[in-house]
Amino acid sequence: MKVLSAQELHQVQGAFGPVGAAIGAVGGAAGYLLNQQLSGSKFSPTTLAWQAGAGAAAGAMAGPAAVIWGFNGALAGGMVTGVASRYGK
């Protein structure tokens, strides 16, 4: 079995850090805002902050894939909630 050098270990650890966190925060906030618009729910600054924080955490740990997955999930949730609220009355 081969022992990895410090440089090789750094290359494979997979951390995205501050850049991923910034992208994740923007993605989380944008996902919430689009969800809120599609669903017609009332805007909540607290929920916006929570979604931006969750996006930042996901982006810092998992990188762009997590941000894209979360953004798409927020869009799908907003569409389903919006359709249900319009036709469920």
PDB file of N, CA and C in Angstrom:
ATOM      1  N   MET A   1       0.831  -1.159   0.000  1.00  0.00           N
ATOM      2  CA  MET A   1       0.000   0.000   0.000  1.00  0.00           C
ATOM      3  C   MET A   1       0.892   1.243   0.000  1.00  0.00           C
ATOM      4  N   LYS A   2       0.535   2.218  -0.812  1.00  0.00           N
ATOM      5  CA  LYS A   2       1.323   3.437  -0.934  1.00  0.00           C
ATOM      6  C   LYS A   2       0.908   4.459   0.126  1.00  0.00           C
ATOM      7  N   VAL A   3       1.869   5.134   0.693  1.00  0.00           N
ATOM      8  CA  VAL A   3       1.623   6.199   1.655  1.00  0.00           C
ATOM      9  C   VAL A   3       1.566   7.520   0.892  1.00  0.00           C
ATOM     10  N   LEU A   4       0.524   8.325   1.164  1.00  0.00           N
ATOM     11  CA  LEU A   4       0.366   9.603   0.472  1.00  0.00           C
ATOM     12  C   LEU A   4       1.231  10.681   1.120  1.00  0.00           C
ATOM     13  N   SER A   5       1.791  11.530   0.272  1.00  0.00           N
ATOM     14  CA  SER A   5       2.553  12.675   0.794  1.00  0.00           C
ATOM     15  C   SER A   5       1.571  13.741   1.284  1.00  0.00           C
ATOM     16  N   ALA A   6       2.062  14.742   1.976  1.00  0.00           N
ATOM     17  CA  ALA A   6       1.215  15.827   2.464  1.00  0.00           C
ATOM     18  C   ALA A   6       0.542  16.554   1.305  1.00  0.00           C
ATOM     19  N   GLN A   7       1.258  16.759   0.210  1.00  0.00           N
ATOM     20  CA  GLN A   7       0.700  17.427  -0.972  1.00  0.00           C
ATOM     21  C   GLN A   7      -0.413  16.595  -1.588  1.00  0.00           C
ATOM     22  N   GLU A   8      -0.203  15.296  -1.726  1.00  0.00           N
ATOM     23  CA  GLU A   8      -1.228  14.415  -2.284  1.00  0.00           C
ATOM     24  C   GLU A   8      -2.455  14.352  -1.376  1.00  0.00           C
ATOM     25  N   LEU A   9      -2.226  14.338  -0.085  1.00  0.00           N
ATOM     26  CA  LEU A   9      -3.323  14.299   0.872  1.00  0.00           C
ATOM     27  C   LEU A   9      -4.158  15.575   0.778  1.00  0.00           C
ATOM     28  N   HIS A  10      -3.503  16.699   0.610  1.00  0.00           N
ATOM     29  CA  HIS A  10      -4.208  17.970   0.468  1.00  0.00           C
ATOM     30  C   HIS A  10      -5.049  17.984  -0.811  1.00  0.00           C
ATOM     31  N   GLN A  11      -4.559  17.388  -1.874  1.00  0.00           N
ATOM     32  CA  GLN A  11      -5.267  17.376  -3.149  1.00  0.00           C
ATOM     33  C   GLN A  11      -6.513  16.501  -3.113  1.00  0.00           C
ATOM     34  N   VAL A  12      -6.536  15.473  -2.306  1.00  0.00           N
ATOM     35  CA  VAL A  12      -7.670  14.548  -2.316  1.00  0.00           C
ATOM     36  C   VAL A  12      -8.643  14.756  -1.155  1.00  0.00           C
ATOM     37  N   GLN A  13      -8.403  15.714  -0.283  1.00  0.00           N
ATOM     38  CA  GLN A  13      -9.297  15.862   0.859  1.00  0.00           C
ATOM     39  C   GLN A  13     -10.653  16.426   0.474  1.00  0.00           C
ATOM     40  N   GLY A  14     -10.795  17.131  -0.647  1.00  0.00           N
ATOM     41  CA  GLY A  14     -12.086  17.537  -1.167  1.00  0.00           C
ATOM     42  C   GLY A  14     -12.737  18.749  -0.525  1.00  0.00           C
ATOM     43  N   ALA A  15     -12.050  19.528   0.231  1.00  0.00           N
ATOM     44  CA  ALA A  15     -12.645  20.703   0.861  1.00  0.00           C
ATOM     45  C   ALA A  15     -12.737  21.848  -0.136  1.00  0.00           C
ATOM     46  N   PHE A  16     -13.842  22.573  -0.096  1.00  0.00           N
ATOM     47  CA  PHE A  16     -14.012  23.714  -0.985  1.00  0.00           C
ATOM     48  C   PHE A  16     -13.859  25.031  -0.246  1.00  0.00           C
ATOM     49  N   GLY A  17     -13.999  25.017   1.062  1.00  0.00           N
ATOM     50  CA  GLY A  17     -13.711  26.162   1.912  1.00  0.00           C
ATOM     51  C   GLY A  17     -14.486  27.421   1.633  1.00  0.00           C
ATOM     52  N   PRO A  18     -13.838  28.581   1.793  1.00  0.00           N
ATOM     53  CA  PRO A  18     -14.529  29.866   1.698  1.00  0.00           C
ATOM     54  C   PRO A  18     -15.186  30.137   0.341  1.00  0.00           C
ATOM     55  N   VAL A  19     -14.552  29.719  -0.738  1.00  0.00           N
ATOM     56  CA  VAL A  19     -15.150  29.952  -2.059  1.00  0.00           C
ATOM     57  C   VAL A  19     -16.441  29.156  -2.192  1.00  0.00           C
ATOM     58  N   GLY A  20     -16.404  27.887  -1.793  1.00  0.00           N
ATOM     59  CA  GLY A  20     -17.615  27.066  -1.831  1.00  0.00           C
ATOM     60  C   GLY A  20     -18.692  27.605  -0.918  1.00  0.00           C
ATOM     61  N   ALA A  21     -18.284  28.127   0.244  1.00  0.00           N
ATOM     62  CA  ALA A  21     -19.253  28.694   1.190  1.00  0.00           C
ATOM     63  C   ALA A  21     -19.932  29.923   0.601  1.00  0.00           C
ATOM     64  N   ALA A  22     -19.165  30.791  -0.043  1.00  0.00           N
ATOM     65  CA  ALA A  22     -19.744  31.997  -0.645  1.00  0.00           C
ATOM     66  C   ALA A  22     -20.724  31.631  -1.756  1.00  0.00           C
ATOM     67  N   ILE A  23     -20.324  30.705  -2.610  1.00  0.00           N
ATOM     68  CA  ILE A  23     -21.210  30.267  -3.694  1.00  0.00           C
ATOM     69  C   ILE A  23     -22.449  29.587  -3.117  1.00  0.00           C
ATOM     70  N   GLY A  24     -22.248  28.787  -2.075  1.00  0.00           N
ATOM     71  CA  GLY A  24     -23.369  28.111  -1.433  1.00  0.00           C
ATOM     72  C   GLY A  24     -24.347  29.079  -0.789  1.00  0.00           C
ATOM     73  N   ALA A  25     -23.835  30.128  -0.160  1.00  0.00           N
ATOM     74  CA  ALA A  25     -24.709  31.121   0.463  1.00  0.00           C
ATOM     75  C   ALA A  25     -25.568  31.826  -0.579  1.00  0.00           C
ATOM     76  N   VAL A  26     -24.963  32.181  -1.696  1.00  0.00           N
ATOM     77  CA  VAL A  26     -25.714  32.824  -2.780  1.00  0.00           C
ATOM     78  C   VAL A  26     -26.752  31.854  -3.336  1.00  0.00           C
ATOM     79  N   GLY A  27     -26.351  30.605  -3.545  1.00  0.00           N
ATOM     80  CA  GLY A  27     -27.284  29.602  -4.054  1.00  0.00           C
ATOM     81  C   GLY A  27     -28.433  29.334  -3.103  1.00  0.00           C
ATOM     82  N   GLY A  28     -28.135  29.246  -1.815  1.00  0.00           N
ATOM     83  CA  GLY A  28     -29.186  29.020  -0.827  1.00  0.00           C
ATOM     84  C   GLY A  28     -30.170  30.174  -0.764  1.00  0.00           C
ATOM     85  N   ALA A  29     -29.654  31.396  -0.781  1.00  0.00           N
ATOM     86  CA  ALA A  29     -30.521  32.580  -0.749  1.00  0.00           C
ATOM     87  C   ALA A  29     -31.360  32.676  -2.023  1.00  0.00           C
ATOM     88  N   ALA A  30     -30.732  32.441  -3.168  1.00  0.00           N
ATOM     89  CA  ALA A  30     -31.466  32.499  -4.434  1.00  0.00           C
ATOM     90  C   ALA A  30     -32.528  31.408  -4.497  1.00  0.00           C
ATOM     91  N   GLY A  31     -32.193  30.223  -4.025  1.00  0.00           N
ATOM     92  CA  GLY A  31     -33.170  29.138  -4.001  1.00  0.00           C
ATOM     93  C   GLY A  31     -34.367  29.489  -3.132  1.00  0.00           C
ATOM     94  N   TYR A  32     -34.120  30.080  -1.963  1.00  0.00           N
ATOM     95  CA  TYR A  32     -35.224  30.485  -1.086  1.00  0.00           C
ATOM     96  C   TYR A  32     -36.082  31.553  -1.753  1.00  0.00           C
ATOM     97  N   LEU A  33     -35.448  32.561  -2.342  1.00  0.00           N
ATOM     98  CA  LEU A  33     -36.210  33.650  -2.960  1.00  0.00           C
ATOM     99  C   LEU A  33     -37.073  33.143  -4.115  1.00  0.00           C
ATOM    100  N   LEU A  34     -36.522  32.245  -4.924  1.00  0.00           N
ATOM    101  CA  LEU A  34     -37.318  31.682  -6.015  1.00  0.00           C
ATOM    102  C   LEU A  34     -38.430  30.796  -5.474  1.00  0.00           C
ATOM    103  N   ASN A  35     -38.139  30.015  -4.453  1.00  0.00           N
ATOM    104  CA  ASN A  35     -39.159  29.181  -3.825  1.00  0.00           C
ATOM    105  C   ASN A  35     -40.284  30.061  -3.283  1.00  0.00           C
ATOM    106  N   GLN A  36     -39.921  31.133  -2.619  1.00  0.00           N
ATOM    107  CA  GLN A  36     -40.903  32.043  -2.032  1.00  0.00           C
ATOM    108  C   GLN A  36     -41.779  32.667  -3.120  1.00  0.00           C
ATOM    109  N   GLN A  37     -41.188  33.040  -4.241  1.00  0.00           N
ATOM    110  CA  GLN A  37     -41.958  33.630  -5.339  1.00  0.00           C
ATOM    111  C   GLN A  37     -42.873  32.603  -5.996  1.00  0.00           C
ATOM    112  N   LEU A  38     -42.359  31.397  -6.221  1.00  0.00           N
ATOM    113  CA  LEU A  38     -43.154  30.360  -6.877  1.00  0.00           C
ATOM    114  C   LEU A  38     -44.290  29.857  -5.993  1.00  0.00           C
ATOM    115  N   SER A  39     -44.032  29.759  -4.704  1.00  0.00           N
ATOM    116  CA  SER A  39     -45.052  29.224  -3.805  1.00  0.00           C
ATOM    117  C   SER A  39     -46.035  30.293  -3.346  1.00  0.00           C
ATOM    118  N   GLY A  40     -45.652  31.551  -3.451  1.00  0.00           N
ATOM    119  CA  GLY A  40     -46.509  32.635  -2.999  1.00  0.00           C
ATOM    120  C   GLY A  40     -46.510  32.819  -1.493  1.00  0.00           C
ATOM    121  N   SER A  41     -45.552  32.203  -0.828  1.00  0.00           N
ATOM    122  CA  SER A  41     -45.487  32.324   0.632  1.00  0.00           C
ATOM    123  C   SER A  41     -44.948  33.704   1.024  1.00  0.00           C
ATOM    124  N   LYS A  42     -45.205  34.066   2.282  1.00  0.00           N
ATOM    125  CA  LYS A  42     -44.751  35.357   2.791  1.00  0.00           C
ATOM    126  C   LYS A  42     -43.230  35.335   2.985  1.00  0.00           C
ATOM    127  N   PHE A  43     -42.577  36.436   2.641  1.00  0.00           N
ATOM    128  CA  PHE A  43     -41.123  36.545   2.782  1.00  0.00           C
ATOM    129  C   PHE A  43     -40.747  36.570   4.257  1.00  0.00           C
ATOM    130  N   SER A  44     -39.691  35.814   4.587  1.00  0.00           N
ATOM    131  CA  SER A  44     -39.191  35.778   5.958  1.00  0.00           C
ATOM    132  C   SER A  44     -37.684  36.003   5.950  1.00  0.00           C
ATOM    133  N   PRO A  45     -37.197  37.124   6.519  1.00  0.00           N
ATOM    134  CA  PRO A  45     -35.756  37.353   6.567  1.00  0.00           C
ATOM    135  C   PRO A  45     -35.026  36.285   7.371  1.00  0.00           C
ATOM    136  N   THR A  46     -35.688  35.746   8.384  1.00  0.00           N
ATOM    137  CA  THR A  46     -35.065  34.689   9.189  1.00  0.00           C
ATOM    138  C   THR A  46     -34.852  33.432   8.357  1.00  0.00           C
ATOM    139  N   THR A  47     -35.864  33.040   7.589  1.00  0.00           N
ATOM    140  CA  THR A  47     -35.736  31.863   6.727  1.00  0.00           C
ATOM    141  C   THR A  47     -34.695  32.098   5.641  1.00  0.00           C
ATOM    142  N   LEU A  48     -34.642  33.312   5.118  1.00  0.00           N
ATOM    143  CA  LEU A  48     -33.622  33.641   4.119  1.00  0.00           C
ATOM    144  C   LEU A  48     -32.225  33.443   4.707  1.00  0.00           C
ATOM    145  N   ALA A  49     -32.026  33.921   5.926  1.00  0.00           N
ATOM    146  CA  ALA A  49     -30.721  33.768   6.581  1.00  0.00           C
ATOM    147  C   ALA A  49     -30.396  32.299   6.833  1.00  0.00           C
ATOM    148  N   TRP A  50     -31.390  31.515   7.276  1.00  0.00           N
ATOM    149  CA  TRP A  50     -31.161  30.085   7.498  1.00  0.00           C
ATOM    150  C   TRP A  50     -30.793  29.370   6.203  1.00  0.00           C
ATOM    151  N   GLN A  51     -31.493  29.692   5.111  1.00  0.00           N
ATOM    152  CA  GLN A  51     -31.219  29.047   3.830  1.00  0.00           C
ATOM    153  C   GLN A  51     -29.841  29.444   3.296  1.00  0.00           C
ATOM    154  N   ALA A  52     -29.473  30.699   3.463  1.00  0.00           N
ATOM    155  CA  ALA A  52     -28.139  31.137   3.045  1.00  0.00           C
ATOM    156  C   ALA A  52     -27.069  30.430   3.874  1.00  0.00           C
ATOM    157  N   GLY A  53     -27.306  30.289   5.171  1.00  0.00           N
ATOM    158  CA  GLY A  53     -26.356  29.580   6.036  1.00  0.00           C
ATOM    159  C   GLY A  53     -26.236  28.104   5.679  1.00  0.00           C
ATOM    160  N   ALA A  54     -27.371  27.476   5.406  1.00  0.00           N
ATOM    161  CA  ALA A  54     -27.341  26.065   5.011  1.00  0.00           C
ATOM    162  C   ALA A  54     -26.613  25.904   3.684  1.00  0.00           C
ATOM    163  N   GLY A  55     -26.841  26.824   2.755  1.00  0.00           N
ATOM    164  CA  GLY A  55     -26.137  26.782   1.475  1.00  0.00           C
ATOM    165  C   GLY A  55     -24.645  26.982   1.647  1.00  0.00           C
ATOM    166  N   ALA A  56     -24.271  27.877   2.554  1.00  0.00           N
ATOM    167  CA  ALA A  56     -22.848  28.116   2.815  1.00  0.00           C
ATOM    168  C   ALA A  56     -22.188  26.869   3.398  1.00  0.00           C
ATOM    169  N   ALA A  57     -22.861  26.222   4.329  1.00  0.00           N
ATOM    170  CA  ALA A  57     -22.299  25.002   4.924  1.00  0.00           C
ATOM    171  C   ALA A  57     -22.160  23.902   3.883  1.00  0.00           C
ATOM    172  N   ALA A  58     -23.195  23.714   3.066  1.00  0.00           N
ATOM    173  CA  ALA A  58     -23.141  22.679   2.032  1.00  0.00           C
ATOM    174  C   ALA A  58     -22.062  22.993   1.001  1.00  0.00           C
ATOM    175  N   GLY A  59     -21.962  24.254   0.605  1.00  0.00           N
ATOM    176  CA  GLY A  59     -20.957  24.649  -0.376  1.00  0.00           C
ATOM    177  C   GLY A  59     -19.545  24.493   0.139  1.00  0.00           C
ATOM    178  N   ALA A  60     -19.341  24.782   1.422  1.00  0.00           N
ATOM    179  CA  ALA A  60     -18.000  24.664   2.002  1.00  0.00           C
ATOM    180  C   ALA A  60     -17.558  23.209   2.091  1.00  0.00           C
ATOM    181  N   MET A  61     -18.496  22.316   2.363  1.00  0.00           N
ATOM    182  CA  MET A  61     -18.140  20.907   2.539  1.00  0.00           C
ATOM    183  C   MET A  61     -18.181  20.103   1.246  1.00  0.00           C
ATOM    184  N   ALA A  62     -19.231  20.300   0.457  1.00  0.00           N
ATOM    185  CA  ALA A  62     -19.415  19.438  -0.714  1.00  0.00           C
ATOM    186  C   ALA A  62     -19.195  20.138  -2.039  1.00  0.00           C
ATOM    187  N   GLY A  63     -19.118  21.440  -2.028  1.00  0.00           N
ATOM    188  CA  GLY A  63     -18.827  22.182  -3.231  1.00  0.00           C
ATOM    189  C   GLY A  63     -20.017  22.399  -4.147  1.00  0.00           C
ATOM    190  N   PRO A  64     -19.749  22.658  -5.420  1.00  0.00           N
ATOM    191  CA  PRO A  64     -20.791  23.041  -6.373  1.00  0.00           C
ATOM    192  C   PRO A  64     -21.916  22.021  -6.528  1.00  0.00           C
ATOM    193  N   ALA A  65     -21.619  20.743  -6.417  1.00  0.00           N
ATOM    194  CA  ALA A  65     -22.656  19.728  -6.584  1.00  0.00           C
ATOM    195  C   ALA A  65     -23.756  19.899  -5.542  1.00  0.00           C
ATOM    196  N   ALA A  66     -23.389  20.169  -4.300  1.00  0.00           N
ATOM    197  CA  ALA A  66     -24.378  20.352  -3.236  1.00  0.00           C
ATOM    198  C   ALA A  66     -25.195  21.613  -3.460  1.00  0.00           C
ATOM    199  N   VAL A  67     -24.555  22.665  -3.943  1.00  0.00           N
ATOM    200  CA  VAL A  67     -25.260  23.917  -4.186  1.00  0.00           C
ATOM    201  C   VAL A  67     -26.293  23.727  -5.293  1.00  0.00           C
ATOM    202  N   ILE A  68     -25.905  23.079  -6.363  1.00  0.00           N
ATOM    203  CA  ILE A  68     -26.826  22.847  -7.477  1.00  0.00           C
ATOM    204  C   ILE A  68     -27.981  21.964  -7.045  1.00  0.00           C
ATOM    205  N   TRP A  69     -27.683  20.913  -6.292  1.00  0.00           N
ATOM    206  CA  TRP A  69     -28.729  20.010  -5.826  1.00  0.00           C
ATOM    207  C   TRP A  69     -29.701  20.748  -4.910  1.00  0.00           C
ATOM    208  N   GLY A  70     -29.196  21.550  -3.993  1.00  0.00           N
ATOM    209  CA  GLY A  70     -30.050  22.304  -3.082  1.00  0.00           C
ATOM    210  C   GLY A  70     -30.877  23.359  -3.793  1.00  0.00           C
ATOM    211  N   PHE A  71     -30.286  24.028  -4.762  1.00  0.00           N
ATOM    212  CA  PHE A  71     -30.995  25.052  -5.530  1.00  0.00           C
ATOM    213  C   PHE A  71     -32.145  24.422  -6.302  1.00  0.00           C
ATOM    214  N   ASN A  72     -31.879  23.298  -6.970  1.00  0.00           N
ATOM    215  CA  ASN A  72     -32.924  22.611  -7.721  1.00  0.00           C
ATOM    216  C   ASN A  72     -34.013  22.076  -6.795  1.00  0.00           C
ATOM    217  N   GLY A  73     -33.627  21.607  -5.631  1.00  0.00           N
ATOM    218  CA  GLY A  73     -34.609  21.141  -4.651  1.00  0.00           C
ATOM    219  C   GLY A  73     -35.513  22.274  -4.186  1.00  0.00           C
ATOM    220  N   ALA A  74     -34.943  23.443  -3.969  1.00  0.00           N
ATOM    221  CA  ALA A  74     -35.739  24.599  -3.554  1.00  0.00           C
ATOM    222  C   ALA A  74     -36.714  25.014  -4.652  1.00  0.00           C
ATOM    223  N   LEU A  75     -36.263  24.983  -5.902  1.00  0.00           N
ATOM    224  CA  LEU A  75     -37.153  25.312  -7.012  1.00  0.00           C
ATOM    225  C   LEU A  75     -38.304  24.319  -7.109  1.00  0.00           C
ATOM    226  N   ALA A  76     -37.991  23.035  -7.023  1.00  0.00           N
ATOM    227  CA  ALA A  76     -39.034  22.012  -7.102  1.00  0.00           C
ATOM    228  C   ALA A  76     -40.021  22.160  -5.955  1.00  0.00           C
ATOM    229  N   GLY A  77     -39.511  22.398  -4.754  1.00  0.00           N
ATOM    230  CA  GLY A  77     -40.387  22.587  -3.603  1.00  0.00           C
ATOM    231  C   GLY A  77     -41.289  23.797  -3.766  1.00  0.00           C
ATOM    232  N   GLY A  78     -40.748  24.873  -4.286  1.00  0.00           N
ATOM    233  CA  GLY A  78     -41.542  26.082  -4.516  1.00  0.00           C
ATOM    234  C   GLY A  78     -42.634  25.864  -5.542  1.00  0.00           C
ATOM    235  N   MET A  79     -42.315  25.149  -6.612  1.00  0.00           N
ATOM    236  CA  MET A  79     -43.320  24.876  -7.637  1.00  0.00           C
ATOM    237  C   MET A  79     -44.441  23.992  -7.101  1.00  0.00           C
ATOM    238  N   VAL A  80     -44.074  22.937  -6.385  1.00  0.00           N
ATOM    239  CA  VAL A  80     -45.083  22.039  -5.824  1.00  0.00           C
ATOM    240  C   VAL A  80     -45.963  22.773  -4.820  1.00  0.00           C
ATOM    241  N   THR A  81     -45.351  23.551  -3.946  1.00  0.00           N
ATOM    242  CA  THR A  81     -46.115  24.310  -2.946  1.00  0.00           C
ATOM    243  C   THR A  81     -47.022  25.339  -3.618  1.00  0.00           C
ATOM    244  N   GLY A  82     -46.504  26.018  -4.632  1.00  0.00           N
ATOM    245  CA  GLY A  82     -47.309  27.022  -5.355  1.00  0.00           C
ATOM    246  C   GLY A  82     -48.497  26.409  -6.051  1.00  0.00           C
ATOM    247  N   VAL A  83     -48.304  25.305  -6.752  1.00  0.00           N
ATOM    248  CA  VAL A  83     -49.423  24.645  -7.452  1.00  0.00           C
ATOM    249  C   VAL A  83     -50.439  24.124  -6.441  1.00  0.00           C
ATOM    250  N   ALA A  84     -49.954  23.521  -5.364  1.00  0.00           N
ATOM    251  CA  ALA A  84     -50.857  22.983  -4.346  1.00  0.00           C
ATOM    252  C   ALA A  84     -51.682  24.091  -3.698  1.00  0.00           C
ATOM    253  N   SER A  85     -51.072  25.238  -3.443  1.00  0.00           N
ATOM    254  CA  SER A  85     -51.820  26.320  -2.785  1.00  0.00           C
ATOM    255  C   SER A  85     -52.837  26.952  -3.731  1.00  0.00           C
ATOM    256  N   ARG A  86     -52.540  26.985  -5.035  1.00  0.00           N
ATOM    257  CA  ARG A  86     -53.477  27.578  -5.980  1.00  0.00           C
ATOM    258  C   ARG A  86     -54.670  26.675  -6.261  1.00  0.00           C
ATOM    259  N   TYR A  87     -54.416  25.377  -6.408  1.00  0.00           N
ATOM    260  CA  TYR A  87     -55.483  24.463  -6.777  1.00  0.00           C
ATOM    261  C   TYR A  87     -56.081  23.726  -5.584  1.00  0.00           C
ATOM    262  N   GLY A  88     -55.491  23.892  -4.426  1.00  0.00           N
ATOM    263  CA  GLY A  88     -55.990  23.226  -3.234  1.00  0.00           C
ATOM    264  C   GLY A  88     -57.093  23.991  -2.524  1.00  0.00           C
ATOM    265  N   LYS A  89     -57.394  25.187  -2.980  1.00  0.00           N
ATOM    266  CA  LYS A  89     -58.398  26.024  -2.298  1.00  0.00           C
ATOM    267  C   LYS A  89     -59.794  25.616  -2.669  1.00  0.00           C
TER     268      LYS A  89
END
